[in-house]
Amino acid sequence: MKVILDQDKCVSGGQCVFAAPEVFDQRDEDGVAVLLMENIPAELQDGVREAADICPALAITLTA
């Protein structure tokens, strides 16, 4: 699985960080999400799916 984060859509909700802290973080200056890894190993995929599902801005896209 690969994850794409559209920072322009991000509303700094931080839900992705709670769902998958190994994959997402937030910038200190404005809270916009940052991607820590694009290619997601199997053991982290459930958290990333949850992050995409709960993102209020729909800023997270998952691909095969």
N, C-alpha and C. Protein backbone atom coordinates (compact mmCIF):
# COMPACT_ATOMS: atom_id res chain seq x y z
N MET A 1 0.84 -1.18 0.00
CA MET A 1 0.00 0.00 0.00
C MET A 1 0.89 1.24 0.00
N LYS A 2 0.43 2.23 -0.75
CA LYS A 2 1.11 3.52 -0.79
C LYS A 2 0.10 4.57 -0.34
N VAL A 3 0.57 5.56 0.41
CA VAL A 3 -0.29 6.62 0.89
C VAL A 3 0.15 7.95 0.29
N ILE A 4 -0.84 8.77 -0.07
CA ILE A 4 -0.59 10.10 -0.60
C ILE A 4 -1.32 11.09 0.31
N LEU A 5 -0.60 12.11 0.73
CA LEU A 5 -1.17 13.13 1.60
C LEU A 5 -1.19 14.46 0.86
N ASP A 6 -2.37 15.04 0.72
CA ASP A 6 -2.51 16.35 0.09
C ASP A 6 -2.48 17.41 1.18
N GLN A 7 -1.31 17.99 1.40
CA GLN A 7 -1.16 18.97 2.47
C GLN A 7 -2.01 20.22 2.25
N ASP A 8 -2.32 20.53 1.00
CA ASP A 8 -3.16 21.70 0.71
C ASP A 8 -4.59 21.52 1.22
N LYS A 9 -5.05 20.28 1.31
CA LYS A 9 -6.39 20.00 1.82
C LYS A 9 -6.42 19.88 3.35
N CYS A 10 -5.29 19.58 3.95
CA CYS A 10 -5.23 19.31 5.39
C CYS A 10 -5.75 20.48 6.21
N VAL A 11 -6.62 20.17 7.19
CA VAL A 11 -7.18 21.19 8.08
C VAL A 11 -6.58 21.10 9.49
N SER A 12 -5.49 20.36 9.63
CA SER A 12 -4.73 20.27 10.89
C SER A 12 -5.51 19.63 12.03
N GLY A 13 -6.40 18.70 11.69
CA GLY A 13 -7.19 18.03 12.72
C GLY A 13 -6.39 17.07 13.58
N GLY A 14 -5.35 16.48 13.02
CA GLY A 14 -4.48 15.59 13.78
C GLY A 14 -5.01 14.18 13.96
N GLN A 15 -6.15 13.85 13.39
CA GLN A 15 -6.71 12.52 13.56
C GLN A 15 -5.79 11.44 12.96
N CYS A 16 -5.11 11.78 11.88
CA CYS A 16 -4.21 10.81 11.25
C CYS A 16 -3.06 10.45 12.18
N VAL A 17 -2.58 11.42 12.94
CA VAL A 17 -1.46 11.17 13.86
C VAL A 17 -1.90 10.22 14.97
N PHE A 18 -3.12 10.37 15.45
CA PHE A 18 -3.63 9.46 16.48
C PHE A 18 -3.85 8.05 15.94
N ALA A 19 -4.32 7.95 14.69
CA ALA A 19 -4.61 6.65 14.10
C ALA A 19 -3.36 5.91 13.65
N ALA A 20 -2.36 6.63 13.17
CA ALA A 20 -1.14 6.00 12.64
C ALA A 20 0.07 6.88 12.90
N PRO A 21 0.52 6.95 14.15
CA PRO A 21 1.63 7.84 14.50
C PRO A 21 2.97 7.46 13.87
N GLU A 22 3.09 6.23 13.40
CA GLU A 22 4.32 5.81 12.74
C GLU A 22 4.40 6.34 11.31
N VAL A 23 3.26 6.76 10.79
CA VAL A 23 3.17 7.17 9.38
C VAL A 23 2.95 8.67 9.23
N PHE A 24 2.25 9.29 10.20
CA PHE A 24 1.91 10.71 10.10
C PHE A 24 2.44 11.49 11.30
N ASP A 25 2.76 12.75 11.05
CA ASP A 25 3.13 13.69 12.10
C ASP A 25 2.51 15.03 11.71
N GLN A 26 2.70 16.04 12.56
CA GLN A 26 2.19 17.37 12.25
C GLN A 26 3.31 18.38 12.39
N ARG A 27 3.28 19.39 11.51
CA ARG A 27 4.27 20.47 11.59
C ARG A 27 3.97 21.31 12.82
N ASP A 28 5.01 21.69 13.53
CA ASP A 28 4.85 22.49 14.75
C ASP A 28 4.24 23.86 14.47
N GLU A 29 4.63 24.47 13.36
CA GLU A 29 4.22 25.85 13.11
C GLU A 29 2.74 26.03 12.75
N ASP A 30 2.14 25.03 12.09
CA ASP A 30 0.75 25.21 11.67
C ASP A 30 -0.13 23.97 11.83
N GLY A 31 0.45 22.87 12.27
CA GLY A 31 -0.32 21.65 12.52
C GLY A 31 -0.66 20.84 11.29
N VAL A 32 -0.21 21.27 10.12
CA VAL A 32 -0.49 20.52 8.90
C VAL A 32 0.22 19.17 8.97
N ALA A 33 -0.47 18.14 8.54
CA ALA A 33 0.08 16.79 8.58
C ALA A 33 1.27 16.64 7.63
N VAL A 34 2.20 15.80 8.04
CA VAL A 34 3.34 15.43 7.20
C VAL A 34 3.41 13.91 7.16
N LEU A 35 3.86 13.40 6.05
CA LEU A 35 3.98 11.97 5.83
C LEU A 35 5.38 11.52 6.20
N LEU A 36 5.47 10.52 7.07
CA LEU A 36 6.76 9.99 7.49
C LEU A 36 7.24 8.86 6.61
N MET A 37 6.30 8.18 5.92
CA MET A 37 6.64 7.13 4.97
C MET A 37 5.52 6.99 3.96
N GLU A 38 5.87 6.70 2.71
CA GLU A 38 4.87 6.56 1.65
C GLU A 38 4.44 5.12 1.46
N ASN A 39 5.39 4.20 1.51
CA ASN A 39 5.10 2.78 1.30
C ASN A 39 4.87 2.14 2.66
N ILE A 40 3.67 1.66 2.86
CA ILE A 40 3.25 1.22 4.19
C ILE A 40 3.35 -0.29 4.32
N PRO A 41 4.12 -0.76 5.33
CA PRO A 41 4.21 -2.20 5.56
C PRO A 41 2.88 -2.75 6.07
N ALA A 42 2.68 -4.02 5.90
CA ALA A 42 1.42 -4.68 6.23
C ALA A 42 0.97 -4.41 7.67
N GLU A 43 1.89 -4.39 8.60
CA GLU A 43 1.51 -4.25 10.01
C GLU A 43 0.98 -2.85 10.35
N LEU A 44 1.17 -1.87 9.49
CA LEU A 44 0.68 -0.51 9.74
C LEU A 44 -0.53 -0.12 8.88
N GLN A 45 -0.94 -1.00 7.99
CA GLN A 45 -1.98 -0.66 7.03
C GLN A 45 -3.34 -0.40 7.66
N ASP A 46 -3.70 -1.12 8.70
CA ASP A 46 -5.00 -0.90 9.33
C ASP A 46 -5.10 0.52 9.89
N GLY A 47 -4.04 0.98 10.55
CA GLY A 47 -4.03 2.33 11.10
C GLY A 47 -4.10 3.40 10.02
N VAL A 48 -3.44 3.14 8.90
CA VAL A 48 -3.45 4.10 7.79
C VAL A 48 -4.83 4.13 7.15
N ARG A 49 -5.47 2.99 7.02
CA ARG A 49 -6.84 2.96 6.49
C ARG A 49 -7.78 3.76 7.40
N GLU A 50 -7.62 3.57 8.70
CA GLU A 50 -8.43 4.33 9.65
C GLU A 50 -8.17 5.83 9.51
N ALA A 51 -6.91 6.21 9.39
CA ALA A 51 -6.56 7.62 9.23
C ALA A 51 -7.24 8.21 8.00
N ALA A 52 -7.22 7.48 6.89
CA ALA A 52 -7.86 7.95 5.66
C ALA A 52 -9.37 8.07 5.85
N ASP A 53 -9.96 7.11 6.55
CA ASP A 53 -11.41 7.10 6.76
C ASP A 53 -11.88 8.26 7.64
N ILE A 54 -11.09 8.63 8.64
CA ILE A 54 -11.53 9.65 9.60
C ILE A 54 -11.01 11.05 9.29
N CYS A 55 -10.21 11.20 8.26
CA CYS A 55 -9.67 12.51 7.90
C CYS A 55 -10.83 13.45 7.53
N PRO A 56 -11.01 14.55 8.28
CA PRO A 56 -12.14 15.44 8.01
C PRO A 56 -12.02 16.17 6.66
N ALA A 57 -10.81 16.28 6.14
CA ALA A 57 -10.60 17.00 4.88
C ALA A 57 -10.45 16.07 3.67
N LEU A 58 -10.50 14.76 3.91
CA LEU A 58 -10.28 13.77 2.86
C LEU A 58 -8.95 14.02 2.15
N ALA A 59 -7.92 14.31 2.94
CA ALA A 59 -6.61 14.66 2.39
C ALA A 59 -5.70 13.44 2.20
N ILE A 60 -6.16 12.27 2.60
CA ILE A 60 -5.34 11.06 2.52
C ILE A 60 -5.92 10.11 1.49
N THR A 61 -5.07 9.70 0.54
CA THR A 61 -5.47 8.77 -0.51
C THR A 61 -4.60 7.54 -0.41
N LEU A 62 -5.21 6.36 -0.54
CA LEU A 62 -4.48 5.09 -0.50
C LEU A 62 -4.51 4.46 -1.87
N THR A 63 -3.36 3.87 -2.27
CA THR A 63 -3.27 3.15 -3.53
C THR A 63 -2.65 1.79 -3.26
N ALA A 64 -2.83 0.87 -4.20
CA ALA A 64 -2.31 -0.47 -4.06
C ALA A 64 -0.81 -0.50 -4.26
